[in-house]
Protein backbone atom coordinates (compact mmCIF):
# COMPACT_ATOMS: atom_id res chain seq x y z
CA UNK A 1 42.53 -16.82 49.41
CA UNK A 2 42.13 -20.22 47.86
CA UNK A 3 38.36 -20.47 48.44
CA UNK A 4 37.84 -16.95 47.07
CA UNK A 5 39.37 -17.84 43.68
CA UNK A 6 37.10 -20.82 43.35
CA UNK A 7 33.98 -18.62 43.78
CA UNK A 8 35.18 -16.13 41.08
CA UNK A 9 35.69 -18.71 38.31
CA UNK A 10 31.98 -19.68 37.83
CA UNK A 11 30.93 -16.01 37.64
CA UNK A 12 33.53 -15.26 34.98
CA UNK A 13 32.48 -18.29 32.98
CA UNK A 14 28.81 -17.22 33.09
CA UNK A 15 29.52 -13.73 31.76
CA UNK A 16 31.64 -15.09 28.92
CA UNK A 17 28.93 -17.47 27.84
CA UNK A 18 26.30 -14.72 27.94
CA UNK A 19 28.45 -12.43 25.81
CA UNK A 20 29.18 -15.22 23.35
CA UNK A 21 25.49 -16.03 23.08
CA UNK A 22 24.63 -12.39 22.45
CA UNK A 23 27.21 -12.17 19.65
CA UNK A 24 25.85 -15.33 18.09
CA UNK A 25 22.34 -13.87 18.16
CA UNK A 26 23.50 -10.69 16.43
CA UNK A 27 25.30 -12.74 13.82
CA UNK A 28 22.23 -14.84 13.18
CA UNK A 29 20.10 -11.67 12.82
CA UNK A 30 22.53 -10.17 10.31
CA UNK A 31 22.74 -13.41 8.34
CA UNK A 32 18.98 -13.61 8.33
CA UNK A 33 18.69 -10.03 7.13
CA UNK A 34 21.17 -10.66 4.34
CA UNK A 35 19.34 -13.79 3.26
CA UNK A 36 16.02 -11.92 3.38
CA UNK A 37 17.23 -8.97 1.30
CA UNK A 38 19.19 -11.04 -1.23
CA UNK A 39 16.59 -13.76 -1.68
CA UNK A 40 13.19 -12.42 -0.71
CA UNK A 41 13.53 -8.58 -1.07
CA UNK A 42 16.01 -7.93 -3.90
CA UNK A 43 14.10 -4.79 -4.95
CA UNK A 44 15.35 -2.89 -1.87
CA UNK A 45 19.01 -3.52 -2.70
CA UNK A 46 18.47 -2.59 -6.34
CA UNK A 47 16.74 0.66 -5.36
CA UNK A 48 19.48 1.64 -2.96
CA UNK A 49 22.13 0.84 -5.53
CA UNK A 50 20.32 2.87 -8.16
CA UNK A 51 20.08 5.83 -5.80
CA UNK A 52 23.85 5.83 -5.57
CA UNK A 53 24.49 5.22 -9.30
CA UNK A 54 21.49 6.58 -11.22
CA UNK A 55 20.75 10.29 -11.44
CA UNK A 56 18.13 12.40 -13.20
CA UNK A 57 19.88 15.40 -14.75
CA UNK A 58 18.63 18.42 -16.67
CA UNK A 59 18.97 18.60 -20.44
CA UNK A 60 19.60 22.27 -21.33
CA UNK A 61 17.33 23.74 -24.00
CA UNK A 62 18.73 25.66 -26.95
CA UNK A 63 17.54 29.29 -26.97
CA UNK A 64 16.06 30.49 -30.25
CA UNK A 65 18.24 32.55 -32.56
CA UNK A 66 17.56 36.23 -33.28
CA UNK A 67 18.18 37.23 -36.89
CA UNK A 68 17.91 40.38 -38.95
CA UNK A 69 15.32 40.66 -41.72
CA UNK A 70 17.63 38.83 -44.14
CA UNK A 71 18.31 35.89 -41.83
CA UNK A 72 21.71 37.03 -40.60
CA UNK A 73 22.27 35.91 -36.97
CA UNK A 74 22.26 38.72 -34.41
CA UNK A 75 22.05 36.55 -31.27
CA UNK A 76 22.98 32.88 -31.02
CA UNK A 77 23.47 30.39 -28.19
CA UNK A 78 26.79 28.58 -28.03
CA UNK A 79 27.63 25.52 -25.87
CA UNK A 80 29.62 26.19 -22.72
CA UNK A 81 30.66 24.11 -19.72
CA UNK A 82 29.54 24.54 -16.13
CA UNK A 83 31.73 23.03 -13.41
CA UNK A 84 30.02 21.99 -10.17
CA UNK A 85 31.01 20.34 -6.94
CA UNK A 86 29.48 17.72 -4.63
CA UNK A 87 31.07 18.56 -1.24
CA UNK A 88 30.10 15.13 0.13
CA UNK A 89 32.37 13.40 -2.37
CA UNK A 90 35.05 16.06 -2.57
CA UNK A 91 38.59 15.26 -1.40
CA UNK A 92 40.41 18.41 -0.35
CA UNK A 93 43.74 16.55 -0.48
CA UNK A 94 43.47 15.54 -4.12
CA UNK A 95 46.75 16.36 -5.91
CA UNK A 96 44.89 17.55 -9.03
CA UNK A 97 43.32 20.52 -7.24
CA UNK A 98 46.09 22.89 -8.28
CA UNK A 99 45.47 22.04 -11.95
CA UNK A 100 41.71 22.46 -11.45
CA UNK A 101 42.24 25.87 -9.85
CA UNK A 102 44.39 26.99 -12.76
CA UNK A 103 41.77 25.92 -15.31
CA UNK A 104 39.07 27.75 -13.35
CA UNK A 105 41.17 30.89 -12.93
CA UNK A 106 40.88 30.46 -9.16
CA UNK A 107 43.05 29.10 -6.33
CA UNK A 108 42.99 25.90 -4.29
CA UNK A 109 42.17 27.73 -1.06
CA UNK A 110 38.97 29.21 -2.51
CA UNK A 111 37.81 25.85 -3.88
CA UNK A 112 38.34 24.12 -0.54
CA UNK A 113 36.62 26.98 1.29
CA UNK A 114 33.59 26.75 -1.00
CA UNK A 115 33.35 23.01 -0.44
CA UNK A 116 33.55 23.50 3.35
CA UNK A 117 30.96 26.28 3.34
CA UNK A 118 28.50 24.09 1.43
CA UNK A 119 29.31 20.80 3.14
CA UNK A 120 25.60 20.17 3.79
CA UNK A 121 24.72 20.40 0.09
CA UNK A 122 25.21 18.02 -2.82
CA UNK A 123 25.53 20.65 -5.55
CA UNK A 124 27.39 23.95 -5.80
CA UNK A 125 28.71 25.72 -8.89
CA UNK A 126 32.44 26.37 -9.16
CA UNK A 127 32.44 28.15 -12.54
CA UNK A 128 29.98 28.62 -15.41
CA UNK A 129 30.35 29.74 -19.00
CA UNK A 130 33.65 27.97 -19.59
CA UNK A 131 34.98 27.02 -22.98
CA UNK A 132 34.00 23.36 -23.68
CA UNK A 133 37.68 22.58 -24.29
CA UNK A 134 38.45 23.62 -20.72
CA UNK A 135 35.46 21.60 -19.52
CA UNK A 136 36.89 18.49 -21.19
CA UNK A 137 40.25 19.06 -19.51
CA UNK A 138 38.52 19.24 -16.12
CA UNK A 139 36.65 16.01 -16.82
CA UNK A 140 39.95 14.30 -17.61
CA UNK A 141 41.30 15.25 -14.17
CA UNK A 142 38.81 12.75 -12.64
CA UNK A 143 38.59 14.57 -9.32
CA UNK A 144 35.99 12.94 -7.04
CA UNK A 145 33.00 15.22 -6.50
CA UNK A 146 33.86 17.56 -9.41
CA UNK A 147 31.54 17.31 -12.41
CA UNK A 148 31.01 19.17 -15.68
CA UNK A 149 27.72 19.72 -17.48
CA UNK A 150 26.78 21.42 -20.74
CA UNK A 151 24.94 24.73 -20.83
CA UNK A 152 24.40 27.52 -23.37
CA UNK A 153 25.66 31.07 -23.44
CA UNK A 154 24.39 33.92 -25.65
CA UNK A 155 26.73 35.44 -28.20
CA UNK A 156 26.08 38.63 -30.19
CA UNK A 157 28.03 38.77 -33.48
CA UNK A 158 27.36 42.49 -34.04
CA UNK A 159 28.46 43.45 -30.52
CA UNK A 160 27.96 47.14 -29.69
CA UNK A 161 26.05 47.89 -32.90
CA UNK A 162 22.91 46.00 -31.82
CA UNK A 163 23.42 46.02 -28.03
CA UNK A 164 20.65 48.46 -27.05
CA UNK A 165 18.16 46.79 -29.32
CA UNK A 166 18.78 43.14 -28.44
CA UNK A 167 19.69 43.51 -24.78
CA UNK A 168 21.24 40.40 -23.21
CA UNK A 169 20.59 37.27 -21.15
CA UNK A 170 21.81 36.33 -17.69
CA UNK A 171 23.96 33.36 -16.67
CA UNK A 172 20.90 31.11 -16.93
CA UNK A 173 20.31 32.29 -20.54
CA UNK A 174 17.14 34.20 -19.61
CA UNK A 175 16.44 37.61 -21.19
CA UNK A 176 17.22 40.61 -18.99
CA UNK A 177 17.11 43.62 -21.32
CA UNK A 178 15.85 44.65 -24.74
CA UNK A 179 14.16 42.25 -27.13
CA UNK A 180 15.76 39.33 -25.30
CA UNK A 181 13.50 40.29 -22.39
CA UNK A 182 10.40 41.19 -24.41
CA UNK A 183 10.35 37.89 -26.27
CA UNK A 184 11.95 35.71 -23.61
CA UNK A 185 8.95 33.38 -23.53
CA UNK A 186 9.24 32.83 -27.28
CA UNK A 187 13.01 32.48 -27.42
CA UNK A 188 13.60 30.40 -24.30
CA UNK A 189 13.29 26.65 -24.72
CA UNK A 190 11.94 24.19 -22.14
CA UNK A 191 14.69 22.12 -20.43
CA UNK A 192 14.37 18.35 -20.53
CA UNK A 193 15.39 15.57 -18.15
CA UNK A 194 17.29 12.33 -18.59
CA UNK A 195 18.41 9.45 -16.42
CA UNK A 196 22.15 8.77 -16.39
CA UNK A 197 24.48 6.27 -14.74
CA UNK A 198 27.32 7.76 -12.72
CA UNK A 199 30.41 6.19 -11.19
CA UNK A 200 31.70 6.67 -7.66
CA UNK A 201 33.49 9.87 -8.73
CA UNK A 202 30.24 11.44 -9.94
CA UNK A 203 31.15 11.11 -13.62
CA UNK A 204 28.47 10.15 -16.13
CA UNK A 205 29.15 6.64 -17.39
CA UNK A 206 26.12 6.19 -19.65
CA UNK A 207 22.78 7.73 -20.59
CA UNK A 208 19.99 5.39 -19.51
CA UNK A 209 16.86 7.05 -20.87
CA UNK A 210 15.31 10.39 -21.70
CA UNK A 211 12.60 11.20 -19.21
CA UNK A 212 11.49 14.36 -21.02
CA UNK A 213 13.14 15.73 -24.19
CA UNK A 214 14.28 19.35 -24.24
CA UNK A 215 12.18 21.70 -26.36
CA UNK A 216 14.31 24.29 -28.21
CA UNK A 217 13.18 27.93 -28.31
CA UNK A 218 11.75 29.62 -31.38
CA UNK A 219 13.77 31.84 -33.69
CA UNK A 220 12.92 35.54 -33.93
CA UNK A 221 13.23 37.52 -37.17
CA UNK A 222 13.63 41.26 -36.68
CA UNK A 223 12.77 44.09 -39.03
CA UNK A 224 16.35 45.36 -38.64
CA UNK A 225 18.73 45.28 -41.58
CA UNK A 226 22.14 44.67 -39.99
CA UNK A 227 23.91 46.51 -42.83
CA UNK A 228 21.77 49.60 -42.31
CA UNK A 229 22.19 49.21 -38.55
CA UNK A 230 25.96 49.36 -38.94
CA UNK A 231 25.85 52.34 -41.31
CA UNK A 232 23.62 54.25 -38.89
CA UNK A 233 25.85 53.39 -35.93
CA UNK A 234 29.00 54.43 -37.77
CA UNK A 235 27.57 57.80 -38.88
CA UNK A 236 26.10 58.52 -35.44
CA UNK A 237 29.36 57.64 -33.67
CA UNK A 238 31.26 60.04 -35.92
CA UNK A 239 28.73 62.81 -35.27
CA UNK A 240 28.73 62.38 -31.50
CA UNK A 241 32.53 62.44 -31.49
CA UNK A 242 32.80 65.42 -33.83
CA UNK A 243 30.44 67.62 -31.84
CA UNK A 244 31.62 66.33 -28.44
CA UNK A 245 28.07 65.33 -27.57
CA UNK A 246 27.06 63.44 -24.47
CA UNK A 247 24.97 60.98 -26.48
CA UNK A 248 23.05 60.46 -29.69
CA UNK A 249 20.28 58.35 -31.22
CA UNK A 250 19.26 57.46 -34.76
CA UNK A 251 16.26 55.60 -36.21
CA UNK A 252 15.48 54.42 -39.75
CA UNK A 253 11.89 53.44 -40.66
CA UNK A 254 10.36 52.03 -43.84
CA UNK A 255 7.41 54.41 -44.15
CA UNK A 256 5.39 51.98 -46.29
CA UNK A 257 5.45 49.15 -43.76
CA UNK A 258 6.26 50.75 -40.39
CA UNK A 259 9.22 48.41 -39.99
CA UNK A 260 12.19 49.80 -38.07
CA UNK A 261 15.24 49.09 -40.22
CA UNK A 262 17.79 50.52 -37.79
CA UNK A 263 17.85 51.85 -34.24
CA UNK A 264 21.14 52.87 -32.65
CA UNK A 265 22.47 54.82 -29.69
CA UNK A 266 25.86 56.20 -28.70
CA UNK A 267 27.50 55.55 -26.28
CA UNK A 268 26.87 51.84 -26.22
CA UNK A 269 28.33 48.71 -24.61
CA UNK A 270 29.61 45.26 -25.56
CA UNK A 271 26.96 42.66 -24.66
CA UNK A 272 29.56 39.89 -24.94
CA UNK A 273 31.69 41.48 -22.22
CA UNK A 274 29.40 43.61 -20.09
CA UNK A 275 30.62 46.05 -17.48
CA UNK A 276 28.74 47.25 -14.39
CA UNK A 277 27.58 50.58 -15.86
CA UNK A 278 23.85 49.89 -16.05
CA UNK A 279 23.19 53.38 -17.43
CA UNK A 280 24.84 52.28 -20.68
CA UNK A 281 22.23 49.54 -21.15
CA UNK A 282 19.42 52.07 -21.74
CA UNK A 283 17.94 52.30 -25.24
CA UNK A 284 17.65 56.10 -25.33
CA UNK A 285 15.71 56.10 -28.60
CA UNK A 286 12.78 54.50 -26.79
CA UNK A 287 13.15 55.23 -23.08
CA UNK A 288 14.43 58.83 -22.91
CA UNK A 289 12.10 61.80 -23.31
CA UNK A 290 12.90 65.39 -24.18
CA UNK A 291 11.13 68.53 -25.32
CA UNK A 292 11.15 67.98 -29.09
CA UNK A 293 11.11 71.67 -30.03
CA UNK A 294 10.57 72.79 -33.60
CA UNK A 295 10.20 69.34 -35.12
CA UNK A 296 6.67 69.67 -33.71
CA UNK A 297 5.95 72.66 -35.94
CA UNK A 298 5.31 70.22 -38.77
CA UNK A 299 2.63 68.44 -36.75
CA UNK A 300 1.18 71.81 -35.70
CA UNK A 301 1.10 72.77 -39.37
CA UNK A 302 -0.73 69.50 -40.11
CA UNK A 303 -3.38 70.54 -37.60
CA UNK A 304 -3.74 73.92 -39.30
CA UNK A 305 -3.94 72.51 -42.82
CA UNK A 306 -6.42 69.84 -41.75
CA UNK A 307 -8.70 72.54 -40.30
CA UNK A 308 -9.15 74.09 -43.72
CA UNK A 309 -8.51 77.58 -42.34
CA UNK A 310 -4.89 77.56 -43.48
CA UNK A 311 -3.66 76.64 -46.96
CA UNK A 312 -0.16 75.76 -48.13
CA UNK A 313 0.09 79.20 -49.83
CA UNK A 314 -1.34 81.19 -46.90
CA UNK A 315 0.82 84.10 -45.75
CA UNK A 316 1.15 85.40 -42.23
CA UNK A 317 2.69 88.54 -40.78
CA UNK A 318 5.30 87.80 -38.11
CA UNK A 319 6.37 91.43 -37.62
CA UNK A 320 7.94 92.80 -35.51
CA UNK A 321 9.52 89.41 -34.70
CA UNK A 322 7.77 88.89 -31.40
CA UNK A 323 4.30 88.80 -29.83
CA UNK A 324 2.83 88.88 -26.33
CA UNK A 325 0.66 85.92 -25.30
CA UNK A 326 -1.09 86.09 -21.94
CA UNK A 327 1.63 88.36 -20.60
CA UNK A 328 4.50 86.25 -21.96
CA UNK A 329 6.79 86.99 -24.86
CA UNK A 330 7.04 84.65 -27.86
CA UNK A 331 9.79 85.68 -30.25
CA UNK A 332 11.84 84.84 -33.32
CA UNK A 333 15.52 85.48 -33.67
CA UNK A 334 14.77 88.04 -36.40
CA UNK A 335 11.80 89.92 -37.79
CA UNK A 336 10.85 87.72 -40.74
CA UNK A 337 7.97 89.99 -41.81
CA UNK A 338 5.21 88.53 -43.98
CA UNK A 339 6.04 84.92 -44.81
CA UNK A 340 4.33 81.94 -46.43
CA UNK A 341 4.02 78.49 -44.86
CA UNK A 342 7.18 77.16 -46.51
CA UNK A 343 9.25 80.04 -45.14
CA UNK A 344 7.61 79.66 -41.74
CA UNK A 345 8.96 76.08 -41.58
CA UNK A 346 12.25 76.94 -43.28
CA UNK A 347 13.03 79.74 -40.83
CA UNK A 348 11.26 77.92 -37.98
CA UNK A 349 9.17 80.91 -36.88
CA UNK A 350 7.77 80.63 -33.37
CA UNK A 351 5.67 83.75 -33.88
CA UNK A 352 4.10 82.48 -37.09
CA UNK A 353 3.31 79.06 -35.63
CA UNK A 354 1.83 80.56 -32.48
CA UNK A 355 -0.41 82.94 -34.43
CA UNK A 356 -1.78 80.11 -36.55
CA UNK A 357 -2.38 77.80 -33.57
CA UNK A 358 -4.13 80.47 -31.49
CA UNK A 359 -6.47 81.21 -34.39
CA UNK A 360 -7.76 77.62 -34.35
CA UNK A 361 -10.12 75.95 -31.83
CA UNK A 362 -8.17 75.52 -28.56
CA UNK A 363 -8.37 71.71 -28.44
CA UNK A 364 -7.46 71.07 -32.05
CA UNK A 365 -3.70 71.05 -31.54
CA UNK A 366 -3.90 68.50 -28.71
CA UNK A 367 -6.21 66.26 -30.73
CA UNK A 368 -3.78 66.30 -33.65
CA UNK A 369 -0.75 65.57 -31.47
CA UNK A 370 -2.60 62.72 -29.79
CA UNK A 371 -3.74 61.27 -33.12
CA UNK A 372 -0.13 61.26 -34.32
CA UNK A 373 0.83 59.17 -31.28
CA UNK A 374 2.24 61.62 -28.74
CA UNK A 375 1.52 61.01 -25.07
CA UNK A 376 1.27 57.24 -25.61
CA UNK A 377 3.62 54.34 -26.22
CA UNK A 378 4.14 53.03 -29.73
CA UNK A 379 3.57 49.46 -30.88
CA UNK A 380 7.26 48.58 -30.63
CA UNK A 381 6.74 46.39 -27.50
CA UNK A 382 10.17 47.44 -26.33
CA UNK A 383 10.54 47.09 -22.53
CA UNK A 384 10.71 50.36 -20.61
CA UNK A 385 9.35 52.47 -23.46
CA UNK A 386 8.18 55.89 -22.31
CA UNK A 387 4.87 57.45 -23.32
CA UNK A 388 6.20 60.98 -22.93
CA UNK A 389 4.02 63.81 -21.64
CA UNK A 390 1.18 65.49 -23.52
CA UNK A 391 -0.84 67.70 -21.17
CA UNK A 392 -4.52 68.31 -21.81
CA UNK A 393 -5.90 71.50 -20.28
CA UNK A 394 -9.51 72.61 -20.01
CA UNK A 395 -9.63 75.50 -20.50
CA UNK A 396 -6.32 75.97 -22.27
CA UNK A 397 -3.89 78.61 -21.09
CA UNK A 398 -3.02 80.50 -24.25
CA UNK A 399 0.72 80.68 -23.58
CA UNK A 400 0.84 76.90 -22.96
CA UNK A 401 -0.96 76.36 -26.25
CA UNK A 402 1.44 78.66 -28.09
CA UNK A 403 4.60 77.06 -26.69
CA UNK A 404 3.26 73.56 -27.34
CA UNK A 405 2.86 74.48 -31.02
CA UNK A 406 6.64 74.75 -31.30
CA UNK A 407 7.45 71.76 -29.12
CA UNK A 408 7.80 73.06 -25.57
CA UNK A 409 5.73 72.14 -22.51
CA UNK A 410 5.56 68.51 -23.67
CA UNK A 411 7.98 65.61 -23.97
CA UNK A 412 8.46 62.79 -26.45
CA UNK A 413 10.85 59.98 -27.31
CA UNK A 414 12.85 59.90 -30.54
CA UNK A 415 10.75 56.93 -31.67
CA UNK A 416 7.50 58.87 -31.18
CA UNK A 417 8.78 61.73 -33.35
CA UNK A 418 10.00 59.33 -36.02
CA UNK A 419 6.70 57.44 -36.06
CA UNK A 420 4.75 60.70 -36.38
CA UNK A 421 6.74 61.83 -39.42
CA UNK A 422 6.35 58.38 -40.97
CA UNK A 423 2.62 59.15 -41.15
CA UNK A 424 3.37 61.97 -43.59
CA UNK A 425 5.54 59.69 -45.71
CA UNK A 426 2.69 57.17 -45.90
CA UNK A 427 0.21 59.70 -47.29
CA UNK A 428 -1.37 60.47 -43.93
CA UNK A 429 -1.93 56.87 -42.83
CA UNK A 430 -0.45 55.82 -39.49
CA UNK A 431 1.06 52.33 -39.40
CA UNK A 432 2.10 50.54 -36.22
CA UNK A 433 5.88 50.61 -35.93
CA UNK A 434 7.42 47.16 -35.76
CA UNK A 435 10.73 45.72 -34.62
CA UNK A 436 9.72 42.35 -36.08
CA UNK A 437 9.92 41.48 -39.76
CA UNK A 438 6.45 41.64 -41.26
CA UNK A 439 5.13 39.06 -43.69
CA UNK A 440 1.77 40.72 -44.35
CA UNK A 441 0.80 44.33 -44.91
CA UNK A 442 -0.21 46.01 -41.63
CA UNK A 443 -3.53 47.72 -41.11
CA UNK A 444 -3.22 51.48 -40.93
CA UNK A 445 -5.31 54.36 -39.60
CA UNK A 446 -5.78 57.56 -41.51
CA UNK A 447 -4.69 60.56 -39.45
CA UNK A 448 -4.76 63.36 -42.03
CA UNK A 449 -5.90 63.65 -45.61
CA UNK A 450 -3.39 62.56 -48.26
CA UNK A 451 -3.33 66.11 -49.67
CA UNK A 452 -2.37 67.52 -46.27
CA UNK A 453 0.49 65.03 -46.00
CA UNK A 454 1.65 65.85 -49.55
CA UNK A 455 1.48 69.60 -48.94
CA UNK A 456 3.55 69.25 -45.79
CA UNK A 457 6.26 67.23 -47.54
CA UNK A 458 6.45 69.88 -50.25
CA UNK A 459 6.61 72.69 -47.69
CA UNK A 460 9.34 70.97 -45.71
CA UNK A 461 11.69 70.89 -48.68
CA UNK A 462 12.24 74.59 -48.03
CA UNK A 463 13.97 73.69 -44.74
CA UNK A 464 16.77 72.12 -46.78
CA UNK A 465 16.76 73.97 -50.09
CA UNK A 466 15.46 77.49 -49.46
CA UNK A 467 18.06 80.19 -48.93
CA UNK A 468 18.27 80.74 -45.18
CA UNK A 469 16.74 77.34 -44.39
CA UNK A 470 17.90 75.68 -41.19
CA UNK A 471 19.22 72.41 -42.66
CA UNK A 472 21.41 72.93 -45.76
CA UNK A 473 23.77 70.19 -44.52
CA UNK A 474 20.99 67.61 -44.65
CA UNK A 475 21.12 67.43 -48.46
CA UNK A 476 21.66 63.97 -49.92
CA UNK A 477 23.42 63.93 -53.32
CA UNK A 478 21.13 62.45 -55.97
CA UNK A 479 17.97 62.57 -53.87
CA UNK A 480 15.48 65.25 -52.93
CA UNK A 481 15.01 65.42 -49.17
CA UNK A 482 12.27 66.87 -47.01
CA UNK A 483 12.44 67.31 -43.24
CA UNK A 484 12.62 69.52 -40.18
CA UNK A 485 15.15 70.65 -37.62
CA UNK A 486 14.72 71.02 -33.90
CA UNK A 487 17.02 72.71 -31.38
CA UNK A 488 15.88 72.88 -27.76
CA UNK A 489 17.40 74.08 -24.53
CA UNK A 490 17.97 71.38 -21.93
CA UNK A 491 15.91 71.64 -18.80
CA UNK A 492 17.68 71.52 -15.45
CA UNK A 493 16.42 71.43 -11.85
CA UNK A 494 16.10 75.23 -11.77
CA UNK A 495 14.95 75.98 -15.30
CA UNK A 496 16.51 75.94 -18.74
CA UNK A 497 20.28 75.56 -18.80
CA UNK A 498 22.56 78.04 -20.52
CA UNK A 499 24.56 76.76 -23.48
CA UNK A 500 23.12 73.23 -23.19
CA UNK A 501 21.07 72.01 -26.13
CA UNK A 502 19.51 69.08 -27.86
CA UNK A 503 19.76 69.09 -31.67
CA UNK A 504 17.62 66.95 -33.97
CA UNK A 505 16.74 66.47 -37.60
CA UNK A 506 14.01 64.22 -39.00
CA UNK A 507 13.55 63.78 -42.72
CA UNK A 508 12.21 61.61 -45.54
CA UNK A 509 13.48 60.67 -49.00
CA UNK A 510 12.90 60.58 -51.87
CA UNK A 511 10.83 63.66 -51.14
CA UNK A 512 8.12 63.10 -53.76
CA UNK A 513 7.71 59.40 -53.08
CA UNK A 514 9.19 58.66 -49.64
CA UNK A 515 10.65 55.25 -48.93
CA UNK A 516 12.66 55.90 -45.77
CA UNK A 517 12.47 58.11 -42.73
CA UNK A 518 15.60 58.90 -40.74
CA UNK A 519 15.61 60.58 -37.34
CA UNK A 520 18.86 61.78 -35.73
CA UNK A 521 19.35 63.36 -32.33
CA UNK A 522 22.62 64.81 -31.04
CA UNK A 523 22.18 65.30 -27.32
CA UNK A 524 24.09 68.00 -25.44
CA UNK A 525 26.90 68.84 -27.89
CA UNK A 526 29.78 70.54 -26.08
CA UNK A 527 31.27 72.44 -29.01
CA UNK A 528 30.43 75.84 -30.48
CA UNK A 529 27.97 74.34 -33.00
CA UNK A 530 24.77 72.99 -31.48
CA UNK A 531 21.93 73.72 -33.94
CA UNK A 532 20.05 70.62 -35.04
CA UNK A 533 20.53 71.39 -38.71
CA UNK A 534 24.33 71.46 -38.33
CA UNK A 535 24.86 68.63 -35.85
CA UNK A 536 22.11 66.12 -36.64
CA UNK A 537 21.69 67.25 -40.26
CA UNK A 538 25.02 65.94 -41.62
CA UNK A 539 24.56 62.63 -39.76
CA UNK A 540 21.10 62.33 -41.30
CA UNK A 541 22.55 62.92 -44.78
CA UNK A 542 25.07 60.07 -44.34
CA UNK A 543 22.55 57.60 -42.99
CA UNK A 544 19.86 58.44 -45.53
CA UNK A 545 22.21 58.46 -48.52
CA UNK A 546 23.86 55.15 -47.62
CA UNK A 547 20.52 53.51 -46.81
CA UNK A 548 18.85 54.56 -50.06
CA UNK A 549 21.78 53.29 -52.10
CA UNK A 550 21.84 50.06 -50.11
CA UNK A 551 18.18 49.44 -50.98
CA UNK A 552 18.75 50.34 -54.59
CA UNK A 553 16.31 53.29 -54.53
CA UNK A 554 16.65 55.23 -57.78
CA UNK A 555 17.89 58.83 -57.47
CA UNK A 556 15.27 61.51 -58.11
CA UNK A 557 17.39 64.66 -58.12
CA UNK A 558 19.02 65.45 -61.45
CA UNK A 559 20.66 68.68 -60.30
CA UNK A 560 24.50 68.72 -60.43
CA UNK A 561 26.19 67.41 -57.32
CA UNK A 562 28.13 70.03 -55.42
CA UNK A 563 30.29 69.80 -52.35
CA UNK A 564 28.31 70.53 -49.18
CA UNK A 565 29.05 73.89 -47.58
CA UNK A 566 31.19 74.05 -44.49
CA UNK A 567 29.42 74.42 -41.17
CA UNK A 568 30.61 78.04 -40.82
CA UNK A 569 29.43 78.98 -44.32
CA UNK A 570 26.09 77.26 -43.78
CA UNK A 571 25.57 79.04 -40.48
CA UNK A 572 26.32 82.40 -42.05
CA UNK A 573 23.97 81.69 -44.94
CA UNK A 574 21.19 80.60 -42.58
CA UNK A 575 21.67 83.72 -40.46
CA UNK A 576 21.32 81.57 -37.33
CA UNK A 577 17.58 81.18 -37.78
CA UNK A 578 17.63 77.74 -36.19
CA UNK A 579 17.91 79.53 -32.86
CA UNK A 580 14.18 80.08 -33.24
CA UNK A 581 13.71 76.46 -32.36
CA UNK A 582 13.80 77.33 -28.70
């Protein structure tokens, strides 16, 4: 036993010395490394320190403002706060989490769960679009790993009134619909970058330098007059409500420039508080197509007058109120007998228009429609705009040609119809329609002779003022008006629907020297009254009258002002002739 203990002692001493020597070596290596880094390689320590304290962050760019033609803001970007989280620095036991959750409108459990789910990342949003006041309160909480940065959010002062036209931006302030989408590249700025110093909690202590300055977006000036936009929206809303319609659209155009002064739809939505109903985002005035019906008789008449075979005083026999075309029946509501061109338009005779069209070269009607812009998109540059449908047959089926002359067998958007009538108001010269404010006169293209355009405007006055005309409710006190009604049956999956209609009126004023064009469509009214002259006509009168007075256009009608007739009296006086529109 005694000799055994003596042999163990040297072995134990050897192991101790070896371990001590190894520790000394490690210590010397560490000391040498420290001396090397602090004396001979200070750059490494500085770089590593900077990595933990210096950050390059994005400088948000201000999106350009959208204004109306008078400089009134329609879309502006306002500062908001975005709260984000660095899960690597986040402390789930921090006592301030309950306050943070309250400010975010969330709960502590969700915040902790988000941090755990993204534990491998250094950046995750908690909430965006917060009021800057709330953002400052969150900064003051000084929660490790929770940071706040400035962003911009779009705000639309006119709300529902301009929603379909402007569209909206997403959470990243990028255009998603409407003109915000069309001109996103022009409106959106270019974000910058800057180097900042942050403390251990991730808070910015100081700005070090700007690496790249942010470039703000450009402003966009629209052709829209916000006052006229509101007046049109108000009148259209009242009309849609009164006639229990599914929807409605209205457009106002300056016929001398092609500028769109107002474009509205009902129903609409609030772009500042959007819901999930994407169908409401659609700008029906540009994207939706329909069979325009008898508003096309004016363009068909333009084709006839331009041919030289028909004059403004030509008379045509429509007896006995119907005709057979290629085995199909074309008819009027009543036998109008021998009528002139003004009465043809006033009573909206399908028979008279068909007879005239079939007497002309087969392709002439299509060429005229195409020249006026049907079957092709306009120059509005609005996203999702429809070109409509304008068939071209060779050879033409006579019944197709006849029905196309009064607006069936084709489709068009409200904007296409409005742009076509603007040609007549501009003495036969077609101007590109514009949603942007113009600073120089646009170049136009002559479509019909000035005399043809003037004759048509004179003829169309009968629609409003002739006894039995289809639009007595479209009269505007103090101004002479010229225009045309259209009432069409709605097409369903199995043919035309019973008791479902689309009513429209398009007109110009002052009649002898037009300044404005107003188009109104009342889609699928659910009440007893559905004719375009009695649904869209009164809405037209309100929009046109208010718009002319707003622009200070002098009245041109010296006749005594009288109260407009009631709808029932007007219908009885017109003898329901507007039914001819389908």
